[in-house]
Protein backbone atom coordinates (compact mmCIF):
# COMPACT_ATOMS: atom_id res chain seq x y z
CA MET A 1 -153.13 -74.64 -63.41
CA LEU A 2 -155.37 -71.71 -64.23
CA LEU A 3 -152.49 -69.30 -63.65
CA LEU A 4 -150.37 -71.41 -66.00
CA VAL A 5 -153.16 -71.24 -68.60
CA LEU A 6 -153.33 -67.46 -68.28
CA GLY A 7 -149.54 -67.15 -68.55
CA GLY A 8 -149.43 -69.47 -71.57
CA SER A 9 -152.21 -67.49 -73.22
CA ALA A 10 -150.34 -64.23 -72.66
CA PHE A 11 -147.17 -65.80 -74.08
CA ALA A 12 -149.08 -67.04 -77.15
CA ILE A 13 -150.51 -63.58 -77.74
CA ILE A 14 -147.07 -61.97 -77.38
CA ARG A 15 -145.54 -64.42 -79.90
CA TRP A 16 -148.47 -64.11 -82.34
CA LYS A 17 -146.57 -62.12 -85.01
CA ARG A 18 -143.65 -64.56 -85.13
CA HIS A 19 -145.68 -67.81 -85.17
CA PRO A 20 -149.37 -67.10 -85.89
CA ARG A 21 -150.52 -70.70 -86.51
CA VAL A 22 -148.78 -72.08 -83.44
CA SER A 23 -150.04 -69.23 -81.28
CA LEU A 24 -153.58 -69.75 -82.53
CA MET A 25 -153.52 -73.48 -81.80
CA THR A 26 -152.04 -72.85 -78.36
CA LEU A 27 -154.53 -70.13 -77.55
CA VAL A 28 -157.50 -72.26 -78.67
CA ALA A 29 -156.27 -75.19 -76.56
CA LEU A 30 -155.74 -73.05 -73.48
CA VAL A 31 -159.10 -71.29 -73.81
CA ILE A 32 -160.83 -74.67 -74.12
CA TYR A 33 -158.97 -75.91 -71.04
CA PHE A 34 -159.82 -72.76 -69.08
CA LEU A 35 -163.52 -72.94 -69.95
CA GLU A 36 -163.63 -76.68 -69.30
CA ALA A 37 -162.01 -76.26 -65.89
CA ILE A 38 -164.39 -73.52 -64.79
CA LEU A 39 -167.52 -75.23 -66.14
CA PHE A 40 -166.52 -78.65 -64.79
CA VAL A 41 -165.95 -77.34 -61.26
CA ALA A 42 -169.19 -75.36 -61.31
CA PHE A 43 -171.13 -78.33 -62.65
CA LEU A 44 -169.71 -80.69 -60.03
CA TYR A 45 -170.60 -78.15 -57.35
CA TRP A 46 -174.25 -77.99 -58.41
CA LEU A 47 -174.69 -81.60 -59.49
CA PRO A 48 -175.44 -83.12 -56.04
CA ASN A 49 -178.22 -80.59 -55.42
CA LEU A 50 -179.58 -81.19 -58.91
CA MET A 51 -179.59 -84.96 -58.43
CA GLN A 52 -181.23 -84.62 -55.03
CA SER A 53 -184.04 -82.47 -56.44
CA MET A 54 -184.53 -84.95 -59.30
CA ARG A 55 -184.51 -87.89 -56.84
CA ILE A 56 -181.95 -89.87 -58.83
CA SER A 57 -180.97 -93.27 -57.38
CA GLY A 58 -177.45 -94.12 -56.27
CA GLY A 59 -176.77 -96.33 -59.28
CA ALA A 60 -177.99 -93.69 -61.71
CA SER A 61 -175.88 -91.02 -60.03
CA GLY A 62 -172.83 -93.27 -60.40
CA TRP A 63 -173.54 -93.62 -64.12
CA LEU A 64 -174.02 -89.87 -64.42
CA TYR A 65 -170.69 -89.13 -62.74
CA SER A 66 -168.97 -91.70 -64.94
CA LEU A 67 -170.47 -90.13 -68.05
CA ILE A 68 -169.42 -86.64 -66.99
CA PHE A 69 -165.85 -87.71 -66.29
CA PHE A 70 -165.78 -89.63 -69.59
CA PHE A 71 -166.65 -86.51 -71.59
CA GLU A 72 -164.28 -84.40 -69.50
CA ASP A 73 -161.46 -86.77 -70.46
CA PHE A 74 -162.28 -86.31 -74.16
CA VAL A 75 -162.11 -82.53 -73.80
CA PHE A 76 -158.76 -82.83 -72.04
CA ALA A 77 -157.50 -85.15 -74.80
CA LEU A 78 -158.50 -82.52 -77.36
CA VAL A 79 -156.48 -79.93 -75.44
CA ILE A 80 -153.43 -82.20 -75.38
CA ILE A 81 -153.77 -82.96 -79.11
CA LEU A 82 -153.94 -79.25 -79.92
CA LEU A 83 -150.90 -78.46 -77.76
CA VAL A 84 -148.82 -81.29 -79.26
CA GLY A 85 -149.92 -80.22 -82.74
CA ALA A 86 -148.84 -76.67 -81.94
CA ALA A 87 -145.45 -77.94 -80.76
CA PHE A 88 -144.82 -79.72 -84.06
CA THR A 89 -146.34 -77.14 -86.42
CA GLY A 90 -143.82 -75.35 -88.61
CA ARG A 91 -140.97 -77.78 -88.06
CA GLY A 92 -138.67 -78.82 -90.87
CA ARG A 93 -138.89 -82.18 -92.60
CA ALA A 94 -137.26 -85.11 -90.84
CA ASP A 95 -135.93 -86.84 -93.97
CA ARG A 96 -133.37 -84.11 -94.69
CA PRO A 97 -130.08 -84.44 -92.80
CA PRO A 98 -129.16 -81.52 -90.58
CA PRO A 99 -126.50 -79.12 -91.89
CA PRO A 100 -122.95 -79.92 -90.81
CA LEU A 101 -121.47 -78.20 -87.80
CA PRO A 102 -119.18 -75.28 -88.70
CA ASP A 103 -115.88 -76.77 -87.50
CA THR A 104 -116.40 -80.32 -88.81
CA VAL A 105 -116.25 -79.68 -92.57
């Protein structure tokens, strides 16, 4: 997934001149996802040692993990919203009929 994020970021930078708003939204979403992925993995790696040093009970650690995953889901939802918004940015209006095909007129 991180390689896909890096490839998508490179593609957004390459296409910046043609579609600047879409590229910006895509790049922001992918940077947020990249940072979230790195920070989330690092935090989950250090969290058990942190909880052990703080002497947190089993029930409290369950609540803490639930809270962390809850906020992680919100960040991921933000990434998806930005990517879907980028996909639909700059599209034509839907209430206009498409132009006729060349050989059907």
